[in-house]
Every structure is written in structure tokens, then in C-alpha cells.
Amino acid sequence: MKELVEIMAKALVEHPEEVTVTETEENGETVIQLKVAPSDMGKVIGKQGRIAKAIRSVVKAAASKEEKKVSVEIE
């Protein structure tokens, strides 16, 4: 899942070298934290959060295939 989020984020931003993705386990749920450069934050979130929702939907679909709970946090 971490690699999936990283690939999608790097494709969207102008500074892919500043993209960092961390993965942690909390209460049986995998939490993926995505950090990008402040100037790229708008590109990752999108208008009205549409791109962020799309990223979460793709990750959720991939996680359901493996029967896992995954959430994505954008910081």
C-alpha cells in the first residue's frame, strides 16, 4: 500500500523528491501518512478534496482485496 500511495503522489507533484510516505499499525488498522512539499499540497488535495478522495478510494480498493483496513492521512 505504501508504494501505491508513493507512486500516485510522485506523479502529481512538482517536487517528487520531497514526497515521504510512512506506514504504521494502529488498532489493527494500517495508517499511511503522506507528506509533500507545502507548495504541492494543493495538487495532492485537489479542488474540494477530489484528488485526496480518489487516492483514498484506490487504496481502500487495494486493501479490500487483501482484507485489510487502511486509511490515508495527508499532512
PDB file of N, CA and C in Angstrom:
ATOM      1  N   MET A   1       0.819  -1.192   0.000  1.00  0.00           N
ATOM      2  CA  MET A   1       0.000   0.000   0.000  1.00  0.00           C
ATOM      3  C   MET A   1       0.871   1.267   0.000  1.00  0.00           C
ATOM      4  N   LYS A   2       1.938   1.218   0.776  1.00  0.00           N
ATOM      5  CA  LYS A   2       2.835   2.371   0.874  1.00  0.00           C
ATOM      6  C   LYS A   2       3.378   2.745  -0.497  1.00  0.00           C
ATOM      7  N   GLU A   3       3.796   1.758  -1.255  1.00  0.00           N
ATOM      8  CA  GLU A   3       4.366   2.010  -2.578  1.00  0.00           C
ATOM      9  C   GLU A   3       3.323   2.601  -3.522  1.00  0.00           C
ATOM     10  N   LEU A   4       2.091   2.130  -3.413  1.00  0.00           N
ATOM     11  CA  LEU A   4       1.000   2.626  -4.253  1.00  0.00           C
ATOM     12  C   LEU A   4       0.770   4.115  -4.020  1.00  0.00           C
ATOM     13  N   VAL A   5       0.696   4.512  -2.763  1.00  0.00           N
ATOM     14  CA  VAL A   5       0.489   5.930  -2.422  1.00  0.00           C
ATOM     15  C   VAL A   5       1.674   6.766  -2.894  1.00  0.00           C
ATOM     16  N   GLU A   6       2.881   6.235  -2.714  1.00  0.00           N
ATOM     17  CA  GLU A   6       4.085   6.968  -3.113  1.00  0.00           C
ATOM     18  C   GLU A   6       4.118   7.200  -4.623  1.00  0.00           C
ATOM     19  N   ILE A   7       3.786   6.195  -5.401  1.00  0.00           N
ATOM     20  CA  ILE A   7       3.776   6.324  -6.861  1.00  0.00           C
ATOM     21  C   ILE A   7       2.750   7.359  -7.307  1.00  0.00           C
ATOM     22  N   MET A   8       1.538   7.298  -6.731  1.00  0.00           N
ATOM     23  CA  MET A   8       0.491   8.251  -7.107  1.00  0.00           C
ATOM     24  C   MET A   8       0.891   9.677  -6.731  1.00  0.00           C
ATOM     25  N   ALA A   9       1.440   9.859  -5.539  1.00  0.00           N
ATOM     26  CA  ALA A   9       1.806  11.202  -5.080  1.00  0.00           C
ATOM     27  C   ALA A   9       2.932  11.785  -5.926  1.00  0.00           C
ATOM     28  N   LYS A  10       3.941  10.984  -6.224  1.00  0.00           N
ATOM     29  CA  LYS A  10       5.066  11.484  -7.019  1.00  0.00           C
ATOM     30  C   LYS A  10       4.644  11.867  -8.426  1.00  0.00           C
ATOM     31  N   ALA A  11       3.609  11.227  -8.953  1.00  0.00           N
ATOM     32  CA  ALA A  11       3.113  11.558 -10.281  1.00  0.00           C
ATOM     33  C   ALA A  11       2.370  12.900 -10.286  1.00  0.00           C
ATOM     34  N   LEU A  12       1.865  13.313  -9.142  1.00  0.00           N
ATOM     35  CA  LEU A  12       1.054  14.530  -9.064  1.00  0.00           C
ATOM     36  C   LEU A  12       1.856  15.798  -8.778  1.00  0.00           C
ATOM     37  N   VAL A  13       2.961  15.681  -8.052  1.00  0.00           N
ATOM     38  CA  VAL A  13       3.641  16.865  -7.526  1.00  0.00           C
ATOM     39  C   VAL A  13       4.777  17.364  -8.428  1.00  0.00           C
ATOM     40  N   GLU A  14       5.211  18.593  -8.154  1.00  0.00           N
ATOM     41  CA  GLU A  14       6.330  19.178  -8.885  1.00  0.00           C
ATOM     42  C   GLU A  14       7.673  18.830  -8.241  1.00  0.00           C
ATOM     43  N   HIS A  15       7.652  18.484  -6.956  1.00  0.00           N
ATOM     44  CA  HIS A  15       8.876  18.143  -6.217  1.00  0.00           C
ATOM     45  C   HIS A  15       8.763  16.712  -5.684  1.00  0.00           C
ATOM     46  N   PRO A  16       8.918  15.714  -6.548  1.00  0.00           N
ATOM     47  CA  PRO A  16       8.751  14.323  -6.095  1.00  0.00           C
ATOM     48  C   PRO A  16       9.803  13.873  -5.083  1.00  0.00           C
ATOM     49  N   GLU A  17      10.934  14.561  -5.033  1.00  0.00           N
ATOM     50  CA  GLU A  17      11.969  14.190  -4.073  1.00  0.00           C
ATOM     51  C   GLU A  17      11.568  14.508  -2.635  1.00  0.00           C
ATOM     52  N   GLU A  18      10.562  15.362  -2.456  1.00  0.00           N
ATOM     53  CA  GLU A  18      10.109  15.739  -1.115  1.00  0.00           C
ATOM     54  C   GLU A  18       8.917  14.923  -0.631  1.00  0.00           C
ATOM     55  N   VAL A  19       8.496  13.940  -1.406  1.00  0.00           N
ATOM     56  CA  VAL A  19       7.379  13.080  -1.010  1.00  0.00           C
ATOM     57  C   VAL A  19       7.901  12.016  -0.045  1.00  0.00           C
ATOM     58  N   THR A  20       7.269  11.936   1.127  1.00  0.00           N
ATOM     59  CA  THR A  20       7.603  10.874   2.070  1.00  0.00           C
ATOM     60  C   THR A  20       6.324  10.168   2.488  1.00  0.00           C
ATOM     61  N   VAL A  21       6.399   8.853   2.550  1.00  0.00           N
ATOM     62  CA  VAL A  21       5.245   8.040   2.922  1.00  0.00           C
ATOM     63  C   VAL A  21       5.674   7.111   4.050  1.00  0.00           C
ATOM     64  N   THR A  22       4.925   7.136   5.153  1.00  0.00           N
ATOM     65  CA  THR A  22       5.202   6.240   6.265  1.00  0.00           C
ATOM     66  C   THR A  22       3.978   5.383   6.530  1.00  0.00           C
ATOM     67  N   GLU A  23       4.224   4.177   7.022  1.00  0.00           N
ATOM     68  CA  GLU A  23       3.137   3.229   7.257  1.00  0.00           C
ATOM     69  C   GLU A  23       3.243   2.734   8.693  1.00  0.00           C
ATOM     70  N   THR A  24       2.156   2.848   9.454  1.00  0.00           N
ATOM     71  CA  THR A  24       2.142   2.389  10.840  1.00  0.00           C
ATOM     72  C   THR A  24       0.895   1.551  11.097  1.00  0.00           C
ATOM     73  N   GLU A  25       0.954   0.725  12.129  1.00  0.00           N
ATOM     74  CA  GLU A  25      -0.183  -0.091  12.539  1.00  0.00           C
ATOM     75  C   GLU A  25      -0.795   0.503  13.801  1.00  0.00           C
ATOM     76  N   GLU A  26      -2.107   0.725  13.787  1.00  0.00           N
ATOM     77  CA  GLU A  26      -2.818   1.222  14.960  1.00  0.00           C
ATOM     78  C   GLU A  26      -4.142   0.480  15.097  1.00  0.00           C
ATOM     79  N   ASN A  27      -4.301  -0.252  16.179  1.00  0.00           N
ATOM     80  CA  ASN A  27      -5.553  -0.970  16.472  1.00  0.00           C
ATOM     81  C   ASN A  27      -6.009  -1.849  15.319  1.00  0.00           C
ATOM     82  N   GLY A  28      -5.092  -2.571  14.728  1.00  0.00           N
ATOM     83  CA  GLY A  28      -5.440  -3.474  13.637  1.00  0.00           C
ATOM     84  C   GLY A  28      -5.685  -2.790  12.306  1.00  0.00           C
ATOM     85  N   GLU A  29      -5.448  -1.496  12.251  1.00  0.00           N
ATOM     86  CA  GLU A  29      -5.647  -0.728  11.017  1.00  0.00           C
ATOM     87  C   GLU A  29      -4.310  -0.147  10.575  1.00  0.00           C
ATOM     88  N   THR A  30      -4.027  -0.209   9.293  1.00  0.00           N
ATOM     89  CA  THR A  30      -2.808   0.370   8.750  1.00  0.00           C
ATOM     90  C   THR A  30      -3.070   1.837   8.428  1.00  0.00           C
ATOM     91  N   VAL A  31      -2.206   2.708   8.943  1.00  0.00           N
ATOM     92  CA  VAL A  31      -2.326   4.141   8.687  1.00  0.00           C
ATOM     93  C   VAL A  31      -1.143   4.556   7.816  1.00  0.00           C
ATOM     94  N   ILE A  32      -1.447   5.130   6.664  1.00  0.00           N
ATOM     95  CA  ILE A  32      -0.423   5.608   5.744  1.00  0.00           C
ATOM     96  C   ILE A  32      -0.419   7.126   5.802  1.00  0.00           C
ATOM     97  N   GLN A  33       0.745   7.702   6.156  1.00  0.00           N
ATOM     98  CA  GLN A  33       0.878   9.149   6.238  1.00  0.00           C
ATOM     99  C   GLN A  33       1.670   9.642   5.037  1.00  0.00           C
ATOM    100  N   LEU A  34       1.089  10.586   4.335  1.00  0.00           N
ATOM    101  CA  LEU A  34       1.709  11.160   3.138  1.00  0.00           C
ATOM    102  C   LEU A  34       2.110  12.594   3.433  1.00  0.00           C
ATOM    103  N   LYS A  35       3.388  12.911   3.211  1.00  0.00           N
ATOM    104  CA  LYS A  35       3.879  14.277   3.397  1.00  0.00           C
ATOM    105  C   LYS A  35       4.472  14.752   2.078  1.00  0.00           C
ATOM    106  N   VAL A  36       4.089  15.969   1.673  1.00  0.00           N
ATOM    107  CA  VAL A  36       4.606  16.569   0.446  1.00  0.00           C
ATOM    108  C   VAL A  36       5.077  17.983   0.756  1.00  0.00           C
ATOM    109  N   ALA A  37       5.759  18.597  -0.197  1.00  0.00           N
ATOM    110  CA  ALA A  37       6.203  19.981  -0.041  1.00  0.00           C
ATOM    111  C   ALA A  37       4.972  20.887   0.098  1.00  0.00           C
ATOM    112  N   PRO A  38       5.070  21.936   0.911  1.00  0.00           N
ATOM    113  CA  PRO A  38       3.919  22.835   1.086  1.00  0.00           C
ATOM    114  C   PRO A  38       3.370  23.390  -0.235  1.00  0.00           C
ATOM    115  N   SER A  39       4.239  23.630  -1.199  1.00  0.00           N
ATOM    116  CA  SER A  39       3.779  24.175  -2.482  1.00  0.00           C
ATOM    117  C   SER A  39       3.015  23.132  -3.298  1.00  0.00           C
ATOM    118  N   ASP A  40       3.180  21.850  -2.981  1.00  0.00           N
ATOM    119  CA  ASP A  40       2.491  20.782  -3.711  1.00  0.00           C
ATOM    120  C   ASP A  40       1.225  20.300  -3.012  1.00  0.00           C
ATOM    121  N   MET A  41       0.919  20.851  -1.849  1.00  0.00           N
ATOM    122  CA  MET A  41      -0.228  20.379  -1.079  1.00  0.00           C
ATOM    123  C   MET A  41      -1.536  20.496  -1.870  1.00  0.00           C
ATOM    124  N   GLY A  42      -1.716  21.586  -2.587  1.00  0.00           N
ATOM    125  CA  GLY A  42      -2.935  21.780  -3.369  1.00  0.00           C
ATOM    126  C   GLY A  42      -3.090  20.754  -4.474  1.00  0.00           C
ATOM    127  N   LYS A  43      -1.993  20.323  -5.054  1.00  0.00           N
ATOM    128  CA  LYS A  43      -2.049  19.329  -6.126  1.00  0.00           C
ATOM    129  C   LYS A  43      -2.461  17.961  -5.601  1.00  0.00           C
ATOM    130  N   VAL A  44      -2.074  17.647  -4.376  1.00  0.00           N
ATOM    131  CA  VAL A  44      -2.400  16.346  -3.792  1.00  0.00           C
ATOM    132  C   VAL A  44      -3.834  16.336  -3.269  1.00  0.00           C
ATOM    133  N   ILE A  45      -4.301  17.469  -2.759  1.00  0.00           N
ATOM    134  CA  ILE A  45      -5.666  17.526  -2.231  1.00  0.00           C
ATOM    135  C   ILE A  45      -6.672  17.751  -3.352  1.00  0.00           C
ATOM    136  N   GLY A  46      -6.387  18.656  -4.272  1.00  0.00           N
ATOM    137  CA  GLY A  46      -7.289  18.921  -5.388  1.00  0.00           C
ATOM    138  C   GLY A  46      -8.452  19.816  -4.998  1.00  0.00           C
ATOM    139  N   LYS A  47      -9.223  20.214  -5.990  1.00  0.00           N
ATOM    140  CA  LYS A  47     -10.386  21.065  -5.741  1.00  0.00           C
ATOM    141  C   LYS A  47     -11.421  20.275  -4.961  1.00  0.00           C
ATOM    142  N   GLN A  48     -11.847  20.857  -3.837  1.00  0.00           N
ATOM    143  CA  GLN A  48     -12.830  20.247  -2.942  1.00  0.00           C
ATOM    144  C   GLN A  48     -12.403  18.852  -2.476  1.00  0.00           C
ATOM    145  N   GLY A  49     -11.092  18.582  -2.464  1.00  0.00           N
ATOM    146  CA  GLY A  49     -10.578  17.320  -1.961  1.00  0.00           C
ATOM    147  C   GLY A  49     -10.776  16.132  -2.871  1.00  0.00           C
ATOM    148  N   ARG A  50     -11.042  16.386  -4.136  1.00  0.00           N
ATOM    149  CA  ARG A  50     -11.345  15.283  -5.062  1.00  0.00           C
ATOM    150  C   ARG A  50     -10.165  14.338  -5.282  1.00  0.00           C
ATOM    151  N   ILE A  51      -8.967  14.878  -5.412  1.00  0.00           N
ATOM    152  CA  ILE A  51      -7.800  14.011  -5.652  1.00  0.00           C
ATOM    153  C   ILE A  51      -7.494  13.205  -4.397  1.00  0.00           C
ATOM    154  N   ALA A  52      -7.596  13.832  -3.226  1.00  0.00           N
ATOM    155  CA  ALA A  52      -7.373  13.115  -1.966  1.00  0.00           C
ATOM    156  C   ALA A  52      -8.383  11.977  -1.816  1.00  0.00           C
ATOM    157  N   LYS A  53      -9.642  12.245  -2.165  1.00  0.00           N
ATOM    158  CA  LYS A  53     -10.677  11.196  -2.100  1.00  0.00           C
ATOM    159  C   LYS A  53     -10.371  10.068  -3.071  1.00  0.00           C
ATOM    160  N   ALA A  54      -9.872  10.422  -4.249  1.00  0.00           N
ATOM    161  CA  ALA A  54      -9.541   9.402  -5.248  1.00  0.00           C
ATOM    162  C   ALA A  54      -8.386   8.528  -4.771  1.00  0.00           C
ATOM    163  N   ILE A  55      -7.377   9.144  -4.171  1.00  0.00           N
ATOM    164  CA  ILE A  55      -6.246   8.378  -3.628  1.00  0.00           C
ATOM    165  C   ILE A  55      -6.753   7.415  -2.555  1.00  0.00           C
ATOM    166  N   ARG A  56      -7.596   7.915  -1.667  1.00  0.00           N
ATOM    167  CA  ARG A  56      -8.135   7.060  -0.600  1.00  0.00           C
ATOM    168  C   ARG A  56      -8.982   5.930  -1.168  1.00  0.00           C
ATOM    169  N   SER A  57      -9.748   6.205  -2.214  1.00  0.00           N
ATOM    170  CA  SER A  57     -10.591   5.169  -2.829  1.00  0.00           C
ATOM    171  C   SER A  57      -9.756   4.060  -3.451  1.00  0.00           C
ATOM    172  N   VAL A  58      -8.694   4.436  -4.139  1.00  0.00           N
ATOM    173  CA  VAL A  58      -7.817   3.443  -4.766  1.00  0.00           C
ATOM    174  C   VAL A  58      -7.147   2.580  -3.700  1.00  0.00           C
ATOM    175  N   VAL A  59      -6.671   3.216  -2.643  1.00  0.00           N
ATOM    176  CA  VAL A  59      -6.011   2.469  -1.568  1.00  0.00           C
ATOM    177  C   VAL A  59      -7.008   1.552  -0.868  1.00  0.00           C
ATOM    178  N   LYS A  60      -8.218   2.053  -0.633  1.00  0.00           N
ATOM    179  CA  LYS A  60      -9.239   1.237   0.025  1.00  0.00           C
ATOM    180  C   LYS A  60      -9.604   0.025  -0.827  1.00  0.00           C
ATOM    181  N   ALA A  61      -9.684   0.209  -2.132  1.00  0.00           N
ATOM    182  CA  ALA A  61      -9.992  -0.907  -3.036  1.00  0.00           C
ATOM    183  C   ALA A  61      -8.871  -1.942  -3.013  1.00  0.00           C
ATOM    184  N   ALA A  62      -7.626  -1.479  -3.022  1.00  0.00           N
ATOM    185  CA  ALA A  62      -6.494  -2.408  -2.970  1.00  0.00           C
ATOM    186  C   ALA A  62      -6.449  -3.130  -1.622  1.00  0.00           C
ATOM    187  N   ALA A  63      -6.799  -2.428  -0.558  1.00  0.00           N
ATOM    188  CA  ALA A  63      -6.780  -3.030   0.776  1.00  0.00           C
ATOM    189  C   ALA A  63      -7.896  -4.064   0.938  1.00  0.00           C
ATOM    190  N   SER A  64      -9.048  -3.803   0.354  1.00  0.00           N
ATOM    191  CA  SER A  64     -10.153  -4.749   0.484  1.00  0.00           C
ATOM    192  C   SER A  64      -9.841  -6.060  -0.230  1.00  0.00           C
ATOM    193  N   LYS A  65      -9.025  -5.993  -1.249  1.00  0.00           N
ATOM    194  CA  LYS A  65      -8.593  -7.193  -1.946  1.00  0.00           C
ATOM    195  C   LYS A  65      -7.780  -8.098  -1.016  1.00  0.00           C
ATOM    196  N   GLU A  66      -7.018  -7.458  -0.117  1.00  0.00           N
ATOM    197  CA  GLU A  66      -6.195  -8.189   0.847  1.00  0.00           C
ATOM    198  C   GLU A  66      -6.891  -8.324   2.201  1.00  0.00           C
ATOM    199  N   GLU A  67      -8.140  -7.874   2.276  1.00  0.00           N
ATOM    200  CA  GLU A  67      -8.945  -7.918   3.501  1.00  0.00           C
ATOM    201  C   GLU A  67      -8.259  -7.199   4.665  1.00  0.00           C
ATOM    202  N   LYS A  68      -7.795  -5.977   4.399  1.00  0.00           N
ATOM    203  CA  LYS A  68      -7.152  -5.145   5.409  1.00  0.00           C
ATOM    204  C   LYS A  68      -7.910  -3.834   5.521  1.00  0.00           C
ATOM    205  N   LYS A  69      -7.742  -3.151   6.669  1.00  0.00           N
ATOM    206  CA  LYS A  69      -8.277  -1.799   6.840  1.00  0.00           C
ATOM    207  C   LYS A  69      -7.107  -0.832   6.714  1.00  0.00           C
ATOM    208  N   VAL A  70      -7.238   0.107   5.812  1.00  0.00           N
ATOM    209  CA  VAL A  70      -6.166   1.075   5.562  1.00  0.00           C
ATOM    210  C   VAL A  70      -6.777   2.469   5.491  1.00  0.00           C
ATOM    211  N   SER A  71      -6.114   3.433   6.131  1.00  0.00           N
ATOM    212  CA  SER A  71      -6.527   4.827   5.996  1.00  0.00           C
ATOM    213  C   SER A  71      -5.327   5.658   5.560  1.00  0.00           C
ATOM    214  N   VAL A  72      -5.600   6.730   4.820  1.00  0.00           N
ATOM    215  CA  VAL A  72      -4.541   7.598   4.300  1.00  0.00           C
ATOM    216  C   VAL A  72      -4.709   8.978   4.928  1.00  0.00           C
ATOM    217  N   GLU A  73      -3.634   9.476   5.533  1.00  0.00           N
ATOM    218  CA  GLU A  73      -3.602  10.819   6.102  1.00  0.00           C
ATOM    219  C   GLU A  73      -2.644  11.672   5.310  1.00  0.00           C
ATOM    220  N   ILE A  74      -3.087  12.851   4.905  1.00  0.00           N
ATOM    221  CA  ILE A  74      -2.233  13.765   4.150  1.00  0.00           C
ATOM    222  C   ILE A  74      -1.838  14.900   5.081  1.00  0.00           C
ATOM    223  N   GLU A  75      -0.526  15.087   5.248  1.00  0.00           N
ATOM    224  CA  GLU A  75      -0.031  16.115   6.174  1.00  0.00           C
ATOM    225  C   GLU A  75       0.745  17.179   5.443  1.00  0.00           C
TER     226      GLU A  75
END
